[in-house]
PDB file of N, CA and C in Angstrom:
ATOM      1  N   MET A   1      77.611 128.027 118.184  1.00  0.00           N
ATOM      2  CA  MET A   1      77.246 127.757 116.839  1.00  0.00           C
ATOM      3  C   MET A   1      75.858 127.560 116.460  1.00  0.00           C
ATOM      4  N   SER A   2      75.417 128.665 115.408  1.00  0.00           N
ATOM      5  CA  SER A   2      74.731 128.273 115.054  1.00  0.00           C
ATOM      6  C   SER A   2      74.575 126.879 113.420  1.00  0.00           C
ATOM      7  N   CYS A   3      73.432 125.936 113.602  1.00  0.00           N
ATOM      8  CA  CYS A   3      73.185 125.756 112.071  1.00  0.00           C
ATOM      9  C   CYS A   3      73.686 125.712 111.168  1.00  0.00           C
ATOM     10  N   LYS A   4      73.174 127.150 110.621  1.00  0.00           N
ATOM     11  CA  LYS A   4      73.723 127.355 109.224  1.00  0.00           C
ATOM     12  C   LYS A   4      75.446 127.618 109.387  1.00  0.00           C
ATOM     13  N   ALA A   5      76.143 128.579 110.754  1.00  0.00           N
ATOM     14  CA  ALA A   5      77.639 128.666 110.540  1.00  0.00           C
ATOM     15  C   ALA A   5      78.151 127.189 110.789  1.00  0.00           C
ATOM     16  N   LEU A   6      77.963 126.009 110.939  1.00  0.00           N
ATOM     17  CA  LEU A   6      78.590 125.154 111.432  1.00  0.00           C
ATOM     18  C   LEU A   6      78.508 124.101 109.862  1.00  0.00           C
ATOM     19  N   ALA A   7      76.694 123.901 109.185  1.00  0.00           N
ATOM     20  CA  ALA A   7      77.253 123.819 108.039  1.00  0.00           C
ATOM     21  C   ALA A   7      77.530 123.852 106.579  1.00  0.00           C
ATOM     22  N   LEU A   8      77.771 125.672 107.629  1.00  0.00           N
ATOM     23  CA  LEU A   8      78.880 126.361 106.177  1.00  0.00           C
ATOM     24  C   LEU A   8      80.770 125.920 106.478  1.00  0.00           C
ATOM     25  N   CYS A   9      81.145 125.369 107.873  1.00  0.00           N
ATOM     26  CA  CYS A   9      82.424 125.053 107.893  1.00  0.00           C
ATOM     27  C   CYS A   9      82.272 123.861 107.414  1.00  0.00           C
ATOM     28  N   LEU A  10      81.450 122.770 108.008  1.00  0.00           N
ATOM     29  CA  LEU A  10      81.650 121.338 106.904  1.00  0.00           C
ATOM     30  C   LEU A  10      82.247 121.812 105.900  1.00  0.00           C
ATOM     31  N   LEU A  11      81.019 121.859 105.168  1.00  0.00           N
ATOM     32  CA  LEU A  11      81.500 122.373 103.732  1.00  0.00           C
ATOM     33  C   LEU A  11      82.058 123.121 103.077  1.00  0.00           C
ATOM     34  N   GLY A  12      83.012 123.617 104.182  1.00  0.00           N
ATOM     35  CA  GLY A  12      84.043 124.677 103.055  1.00  0.00           C
ATOM     36  C   GLY A  12      84.983 123.688 103.517  1.00  0.00           C
ATOM     37  N   LEU A  13      85.753 122.691 104.421  1.00  0.00           N
ATOM     38  CA  LEU A  13      85.981 121.472 104.960  1.00  0.00           C
ATOM     39  C   LEU A  13      86.632 120.445 103.420  1.00  0.00           C
ATOM     40  N   LEU A  14      84.969 120.409 103.235  1.00  0.00           N
ATOM     41  CA  LEU A  14      84.806 119.373 102.141  1.00  0.00           C
ATOM     42  C   LEU A  14      84.746 119.958 100.891  1.00  0.00           C
ATOM     43  N   THR A  15      84.871 121.116 100.173  1.00  0.00           N
ATOM     44  CA  THR A  15      85.378 121.351  99.155  1.00  0.00           C
ATOM     45  C   THR A  15      87.070 121.242  98.994  1.00  0.00           C
ATOM     46  N   ILE A  16      87.961 121.540 100.413  1.00  0.00           N
ATOM     47  CA  ILE A  16      89.343 121.687 100.172  1.00  0.00           C
ATOM     48  C   ILE A  16      89.907 120.832 100.678  1.00  0.00           C
ATOM     49  N   SER A  17      89.082 119.778 101.071  1.00  0.00           N
ATOM     50  CA  SER A  17      90.020 118.130 101.363  1.00  0.00           C
ATOM     51  C   SER A  17      90.358 117.923 100.008  1.00  0.00           C
ATOM     52  N   SER A  18      90.970 116.470  99.395  1.00  0.00           N
ATOM     53  CA  SER A  18      91.207 115.789  99.055  1.00  0.00           C
ATOM     54  C   SER A  18      90.975 114.688  98.573  1.00  0.00           C
ATOM     55  N   ALA A  19      89.402 114.264  99.218  1.00  0.00           N
ATOM     56  CA  ALA A  19      89.792 113.298  99.187  1.00  0.00           C
ATOM     57  C   ALA A  19      89.682 112.023  98.216  1.00  0.00           C
ATOM     58  N   CYS A  20      89.615 110.530  97.545  1.00  0.00           N
ATOM     59  CA  CYS A  20      89.265 110.379  96.534  1.00  0.00           C
ATOM     60  C   CYS A  20      87.878 109.803  95.977  1.00  0.00           C
ATOM     61  N   TYR A  21      87.043 110.526  95.528  1.00  0.00           N
ATOM     62  CA  TYR A  21      85.649 110.211  95.017  1.00  0.00           C
ATOM     63  C   TYR A  21      85.294 109.038  93.949  1.00  0.00           C
ATOM     64  N   ILE A  22      84.554 108.610  94.280  1.00  0.00           N
ATOM     65  CA  ILE A  22      83.810 107.361  93.265  1.00  0.00           C
ATOM     66  C   ILE A  22      84.192 107.788  91.581  1.00  0.00           C
ATOM     67  N   GLN A  23      83.296 108.761  91.676  1.00  0.00           N
ATOM     68  CA  GLN A  23      83.703 109.294  90.438  1.00  0.00           C
ATOM     69  C   GLN A  23      84.867 109.712  89.701  1.00  0.00           C
ATOM     70  N   ASN A  24      85.829 110.654  90.624  1.00  0.00           N
ATOM     71  CA  ASN A  24      87.275 110.926  90.081  1.00  0.00           C
ATOM     72  C   ASN A  24      88.012 109.435  90.593  1.00  0.00           C
ATOM     73  N   CYS A  25      88.226 108.707  90.967  1.00  0.00           N
ATOM     74  CA  CYS A  25      90.072 107.384  91.786  1.00  0.00           C
ATOM     75  C   CYS A  25      90.082 107.096  90.412  1.00  0.00           C
ATOM     76  N   PRO A  26      91.297 107.072  90.397  1.00  0.00           N
ATOM     77  CA  PRO A  26      92.044 106.316  89.343  1.00  0.00           C
ATOM     78  C   PRO A  26      92.284 105.059  89.099  1.00  0.00           C
ATOM     79  N   ILE A  27      92.264 103.930  88.420  1.00  0.00           N
ATOM     80  CA  ILE A  27      92.021 102.831  88.126  1.00  0.00           C
ATOM     81  C   ILE A  27      93.208 102.454  89.037  1.00  0.00           C
ATOM     82  N   GLY A  28      93.008 100.814  90.026  1.00  0.00           N
ATOM     83  CA  GLY A  28      93.600 100.889  91.074  1.00  0.00           C
ATOM     84  C   GLY A  28      93.562 101.392  92.665  1.00  0.00           C
ATOM     85  N   GLY A  29      93.388 103.342  92.067  1.00  0.00           N
ATOM     86  CA  GLY A  29      93.187 103.894  93.715  1.00  0.00           C
ATOM     87  C   GLY A  29      93.561 105.197  93.726  1.00  0.00           C
ATOM     88  N   LYS A  30      93.736 105.829  94.842  1.00  0.00           N
ATOM     89  CA  LYS A  30      93.876 106.803  95.045  1.00  0.00           C
ATOM     90  C   LYS A  30      95.997 106.806  94.653  1.00  0.00           C
ATOM     91  N   ARG A  31      96.656 106.002  95.140  1.00  0.00           N
ATOM     92  CA  ARG A  31      97.956 106.391  95.131  1.00  0.00           C
ATOM     93  C   ARG A  31      98.633 105.654  93.952  1.00  0.00           C
ATOM     94  N   ALA A  32      97.937 105.140  93.312  1.00  0.00           N
ATOM     95  CA  ALA A  32      97.753 104.182  92.088  1.00  0.00           C
ATOM     96  C   ALA A  32      98.228 104.970  91.383  1.00  0.00           C
ATOM     97  N   VAL A  33      98.693 106.203  90.817  1.00  0.00           N
ATOM     98  CA  VAL A  33      99.315 107.437  90.035  1.00  0.00           C
ATOM     99  C   VAL A  33     100.413 106.519  90.018  1.00  0.00           C
ATOM    100  N   GLN A  34     100.769 107.306  91.965  1.00  0.00           N
ATOM    101  CA  GLN A  34     102.222 107.565  91.829  1.00  0.00           C
ATOM    102  C   GLN A  34     103.380 106.398  92.414  1.00  0.00           C
ATOM    103  N   ASP A  35     102.497 105.219  91.737  1.00  0.00           N
ATOM    104  CA  ASP A  35     103.489 104.087  91.952  1.00  0.00           C
ATOM    105  C   ASP A  35     104.460 103.735  90.628  1.00  0.00           C
ATOM    106  N   MET A  36     103.455 104.806  89.258  1.00  0.00           N
ATOM    107  CA  MET A  36     104.271 104.400  88.252  1.00  0.00           C
ATOM    108  C   MET A  36     105.388 104.900  88.335  1.00  0.00           C
ATOM    109  N   ASP A  37     105.705 106.168  88.791  1.00  0.00           N
ATOM    110  CA  ASP A  37     107.342 106.589  89.108  1.00  0.00           C
ATOM    111  C   ASP A  37     108.627 106.422  89.983  1.00  0.00           C
ATOM    112  N   ILE A  38     108.290 105.076  90.311  1.00  0.00           N
ATOM    113  CA  ILE A  38     109.324 104.441  91.440  1.00  0.00           C
ATOM    114  C   ILE A  38     110.385 103.670  90.227  1.00  0.00           C
ATOM    115  N   ARG A  39     111.636 104.390  90.997  1.00  0.00           N
ATOM    116  CA  ARG A  39     112.996 103.936  89.934  1.00  0.00           C
ATOM    117  C   ARG A  39     113.156 103.016  90.494  1.00  0.00           C
ATOM    118  N   LYS A  40     114.538 102.356  90.116  1.00  0.00           N
ATOM    119  CA  LYS A  40     114.556 101.724  90.716  1.00  0.00           C
ATOM    120  C   LYS A  40     116.579 102.444  91.276  1.00  0.00           C
ATOM    121  N   CYS A  41     117.442 102.209  93.167  1.00  0.00           N
ATOM    122  CA  CYS A  41     117.595 102.883  92.983  1.00  0.00           C
ATOM    123  C   CYS A  41     119.135 103.271  92.761  1.00  0.00           C
ATOM    124  N   LEU A  42     120.333 104.544  93.393  1.00  0.00           N
ATOM    125  CA  LEU A  42     121.187 104.250  92.680  1.00  0.00           C
ATOM    126  C   LEU A  42     122.054 103.045  92.673  1.00  0.00           C
ATOM    127  N   PRO A  43     123.263 101.957  92.268  1.00  0.00           N
ATOM    128  CA  PRO A  43     124.117 101.753  92.671  1.00  0.00           C
ATOM    129  C   PRO A  43     124.896 102.231  92.769  1.00  0.00           C
ATOM    130  N   CYS A  44     125.374 101.948  94.106  1.00  0.00           N
ATOM    131  CA  CYS A  44     126.793 102.507  94.714  1.00  0.00           C
ATOM    132  C   CYS A  44     128.049 101.456  95.860  1.00  0.00           C
ATOM    133  N   GLY A  45     128.411 101.530  96.949  1.00  0.00           N
ATOM    134  CA  GLY A  45     129.832 101.061  97.373  1.00  0.00           C
ATOM    135  C   GLY A  45     130.283 100.189  95.982  1.00  0.00           C
ATOM    136  N   PRO A  46     131.816  99.999  96.923  1.00  0.00           N
ATOM    137  CA  PRO A  46     132.472  98.571  95.845  1.00  0.00           C
ATOM    138  C   PRO A  46     132.170  98.100  94.717  1.00  0.00           C
ATOM    139  N   ARG A  47     132.858  97.993  93.419  1.00  0.00           N
ATOM    140  CA  ARG A  47     131.991  97.813  91.974  1.00  0.00           C
ATOM    141  C   ARG A  47     130.510  97.526  92.354  1.00  0.00           C
ATOM    142  N   ASN A  48     129.702  98.424  92.757  1.00  0.00           N
ATOM    143  CA  ASN A  48     128.238  99.188  92.729  1.00  0.00           C
ATOM    144  C   ASN A  48     127.904  97.869  93.605  1.00  0.00           C
ATOM    145  N   LYS A  49     127.983  97.490  94.175  1.00  0.00           N
ATOM    146  CA  LYS A  49     127.449  95.867  94.353  1.00  0.00           C
ATOM    147  C   LYS A  49     126.082  95.850  95.390  1.00  0.00           C
ATOM    148  N   GLY A  50     126.171  97.417  95.729  1.00  0.00           N
ATOM    149  CA  GLY A  50     125.080  98.206  96.973  1.00  0.00           C
ATOM    150  C   GLY A  50     124.145  98.932  96.215  1.00  0.00           C
ATOM    151  N   HIS A  51     122.590  98.908  97.219  1.00  0.00           N
ATOM    152  CA  HIS A  51     122.175  99.968  96.470  1.00  0.00           C
ATOM    153  C   HIS A  51     121.742 101.475  97.783  1.00  0.00           C
ATOM    154  N   CYS A  52     121.465 102.677  97.494  1.00  0.00           N
ATOM    155  CA  CYS A  52     122.058 103.789  97.658  1.00  0.00           C
ATOM    156  C   CYS A  52     120.401 103.658  99.470  1.00  0.00           C
ATOM    157  N   PHE A  53     120.460 103.566 100.411  1.00  0.00           N
ATOM    158  CA  PHE A  53     119.231 103.521 100.864  1.00  0.00           C
ATOM    159  C   PHE A  53     118.720 105.244 101.388  1.00  0.00           C
ATOM    160  N   GLY A  54     119.381 105.953 101.239  1.00  0.00           N
ATOM    161  CA  GLY A  54     119.330 107.505 101.875  1.00  0.00           C
ATOM    162  C   GLY A  54     121.259 107.847 101.245  1.00  0.00           C
ATOM    163  N   PRO A  55     120.780 109.824 101.481  1.00  0.00           N
ATOM    164  CA  PRO A  55     121.856 110.613 100.710  1.00  0.00           C
ATOM    165  C   PRO A  55     123.036 110.405 101.978  1.00  0.00           C
ATOM    166  N   ASN A  56     122.597 109.479 102.741  1.00  0.00           N
ATOM    167  CA  ASN A  56     124.266 108.835 103.133  1.00  0.00           C
ATOM    168  C   ASN A  56     124.411 107.171 103.819  1.00  0.00           C
ATOM    169  N   ILE A  57     123.491 106.583 102.546  1.00  0.00           N
ATOM    170  CA  ILE A  57     123.858 105.413 103.336  1.00  0.00           C
ATOM    171  C   ILE A  57     123.293 104.560 102.157  1.00  0.00           C
ATOM    172  N   CYS A  58     124.295 103.235 102.127  1.00  0.00           N
ATOM    173  CA  CYS A  58     124.797 102.778 100.699  1.00  0.00           C
ATOM    174  C   CYS A  58     125.168 101.365 101.469  1.00  0.00           C
ATOM    175  N   CYS A  59     124.171 100.857 101.245  1.00  0.00           N
ATOM    176  CA  CYS A  59     123.791  98.867 102.014  1.00  0.00           C
ATOM    177  C   CYS A  59     123.921  97.831 100.352  1.00  0.00           C
ATOM    178  N   GLY A  60     124.452  96.504 100.570  1.00  0.00           N
ATOM    179  CA  GLY A  60     124.271  96.151  99.974  1.00  0.00           C
ATOM    180  C   GLY A  60     124.511  94.633 100.673  1.00  0.00           C
ATOM    181  N   GLU A  61     123.652  92.783  99.881  1.00  0.00           N
ATOM    182  CA  GLU A  61     123.893  91.846 100.918  1.00  0.00           C
ATOM    183  C   GLU A  61     125.261  91.386 101.320  1.00  0.00           C
ATOM    184  N   GLU A  62     126.433  91.056 100.451  1.00  0.00           N
ATOM    185  CA  GLU A  62     127.863  91.335 100.672  1.00  0.00           C
ATOM    186  C   GLU A  62     128.343  92.195 101.366  1.00  0.00           C
ATOM    187  N   LEU A  63     127.841  93.497 101.133  1.00  0.00           N
ATOM    188  CA  LEU A  63     129.136  94.166 101.935  1.00  0.00           C
ATOM    189  C   LEU A  63     128.612  95.303 103.426  1.00  0.00           C
ATOM    190  N   GLY A  64     126.411  94.869 103.961  1.00  0.00           N
ATOM    191  CA  GLY A  64     126.792  95.563 104.915  1.00  0.00           C
ATOM    192  C   GLY A  64     126.127  96.934 104.378  1.00  0.00           C
ATOM    193  N   CYS A  65     126.492  97.361 105.554  1.00  0.00           N
ATOM    194  CA  CYS A  65     125.915  98.588 104.849  1.00  0.00           C
ATOM    195  C   CYS A  65     127.515  99.816 105.517  1.00  0.00           C
ATOM    196  N   TYR A  66     127.078 100.614 104.311  1.00  0.00           N
ATOM    197  CA  TYR A  66     128.195 102.088 104.421  1.00  0.00           C
ATOM    198  C   TYR A  66     127.110 103.479 104.911  1.00  0.00           C
ATOM    199  N   ILE A  67     128.003 103.803 106.255  1.00  0.00           N
ATOM    200  CA  ILE A  67     126.990 105.156 106.162  1.00  0.00           C
ATOM    201  C   ILE A  67     128.138 106.318 106.359  1.00  0.00           C
ATOM    202  N   GLY A  68     127.595 107.574 105.490  1.00  0.00           N
ATOM    203  CA  GLY A  68     128.776 108.917 105.502  1.00  0.00           C
ATOM    204  C   GLY A  68     130.204 108.603 105.524  1.00  0.00           C
ATOM    205  N   THR A  69     130.645 107.580 104.701  1.00  0.00           N
ATOM    206  CA  THR A  69     131.740 107.418 104.094  1.00  0.00           C
ATOM    207  C   THR A  69     131.750 107.296 102.924  1.00  0.00           C
ATOM    208  N   SER A  70     133.231 107.748 101.599  1.00  0.00           N
ATOM    209  CA  SER A  70     132.780 107.854 100.733  1.00  0.00           C
ATOM    210  C   SER A  70     132.720 106.291 100.098  1.00  0.00           C
ATOM    211  N   GLU A  71     132.597 105.119 100.368  1.00  0.00           N
ATOM    212  CA  GLU A  71     131.603 104.538  99.179  1.00  0.00           C
ATOM    213  C   GLU A  71     129.828 105.013  99.335  1.00  0.00           C
ATOM    214  N   ALA A  72     129.521 105.408 100.070  1.00  0.00           N
ATOM    215  CA  ALA A  72     128.690 106.231 100.319  1.00  0.00           C
ATOM    216  C   ALA A  72     128.304 107.848  99.503  1.00  0.00           C
ATOM    217  N   LEU A  73     129.012 107.956  98.776  1.00  0.00           N
ATOM    218  CA  LEU A  73     128.732 109.710  98.256  1.00  0.00           C
ATOM    219  C   LEU A  73     128.245 109.192  97.157  1.00  0.00           C
ATOM    220  N   ARG A  74     128.031 108.680  96.314  1.00  0.00           N
ATOM    221  CA  ARG A  74     127.481 108.531  95.380  1.00  0.00           C
ATOM    222  C   ARG A  74     126.095 109.166  95.955  1.00  0.00           C
ATOM    223  N   CYS A  75     125.194 108.893  96.834  1.00  0.00           N
ATOM    224  CA  CYS A  75     124.113 108.611  97.515  1.00  0.00           C
ATOM    225  C   CYS A  75     123.280 109.440  97.742  1.00  0.00           C
ATOM    226  N   GLN A  76     124.164 111.054  97.044  1.00  0.00           N
ATOM    227  CA  GLN A  76     124.219 112.044  97.976  1.00  0.00           C
ATOM    228  C   GLN A  76     123.287 112.395  96.793  1.00  0.00           C
ATOM    229  N   GLU A  77     123.763 112.167  95.446  1.00  0.00           N
ATOM    230  CA  GLU A  77     122.300 112.311  94.074  1.00  0.00           C
ATOM    231  C   GLU A  77     120.863 111.794  94.472  1.00  0.00           C
ATOM    232  N   GLU A  78     120.826 110.803  95.249  1.00  0.00           N
ATOM    233  CA  GLU A  78     119.664 110.964  95.372  1.00  0.00           C
ATOM    234  C   GLU A  78     117.848 112.207  95.902  1.00  0.00           C
ATOM    235  N   ASN A  79     119.501 112.946  96.846  1.00  0.00           N
ATOM    236  CA  ASN A  79     118.412 113.974  97.092  1.00  0.00           C
ATOM    237  C   ASN A  79     117.923 114.660  95.953  1.00  0.00           C
ATOM    238  N   PHE A  80     119.040 115.395  94.953  1.00  0.00           N
ATOM    239  CA  PHE A  80     117.561 115.842  93.283  1.00  0.00           C
ATOM    240  C   PHE A  80     117.727 115.053  93.001  1.00  0.00           C
ATOM    241  N   LEU A  81     116.829 114.446  92.479  1.00  0.00           N
ATOM    242  CA  LEU A  81     115.992 113.207  91.726  1.00  0.00           C
ATOM    243  C   LEU A  81     114.854 113.162  92.208  1.00  0.00           C
ATOM    244  N   PRO A  82     114.241 113.993  91.078  1.00  0.00           N
ATOM    245  CA  PRO A  82     112.625 114.223  91.997  1.00  0.00           C
ATOM    246  C   PRO A  82     111.424 112.713  91.512  1.00  0.00           C
ATOM    247  N   THR A  83     112.570 111.529  91.838  1.00  0.00           N
ATOM    248  CA  THR A  83     111.420 110.252  91.957  1.00  0.00           C
ATOM    249  C   THR A  83     111.481 109.976  92.860  1.00  0.00           C
ATOM    250  N   PRO A  84     111.305 109.309  93.826  1.00  0.00           N
ATOM    251  CA  PRO A  84     111.377 107.773  94.648  1.00  0.00           C
ATOM    252  C   PRO A  84     111.856 106.763  93.868  1.00  0.00           C
ATOM    253  N   CYS A  85     112.659 105.873  94.922  1.00  0.00           N
ATOM    254  CA  CYS A  85     113.080 105.207  94.470  1.00  0.00           C
ATOM    255  C   CYS A  85     112.910 103.574  95.331  1.00  0.00           C
ATOM    256  N   GLU A  86     113.307 102.675  94.356  1.00  0.00           N
ATOM    257  CA  GLU A  86     112.895 101.122  95.305  1.00  0.00           C
ATOM    258  C   GLU A  86     114.327 100.396  95.027  1.00  0.00           C
ATOM    259  N   SER A  87     114.550  99.446  95.824  1.00  0.00           N
ATOM    260  CA  SER A  87     115.988  99.301  95.949  1.00  0.00           C
ATOM    261  C   SER A  87     115.303  97.415  95.778  1.00  0.00           C
TER     262      SER A  87
END
């Protein structure tokens, strides 16, 4: 491969990369903007004492985990929500 072709390939890769360059980084770093959209996970289980950990998983400190049971049905709503959650 000639030097010109190699230089063009590297330049092409550089232009399509999604790196965080010094001049355009958000305050707090590259992932700081994404962290603002985190919300609390949906409550689930008996008396809403648990939190969803996936579309079929409901866990709580006093409850343990329910996987694929009627207590975890509410957790299927997580699939349709656009933002991630945090327990």
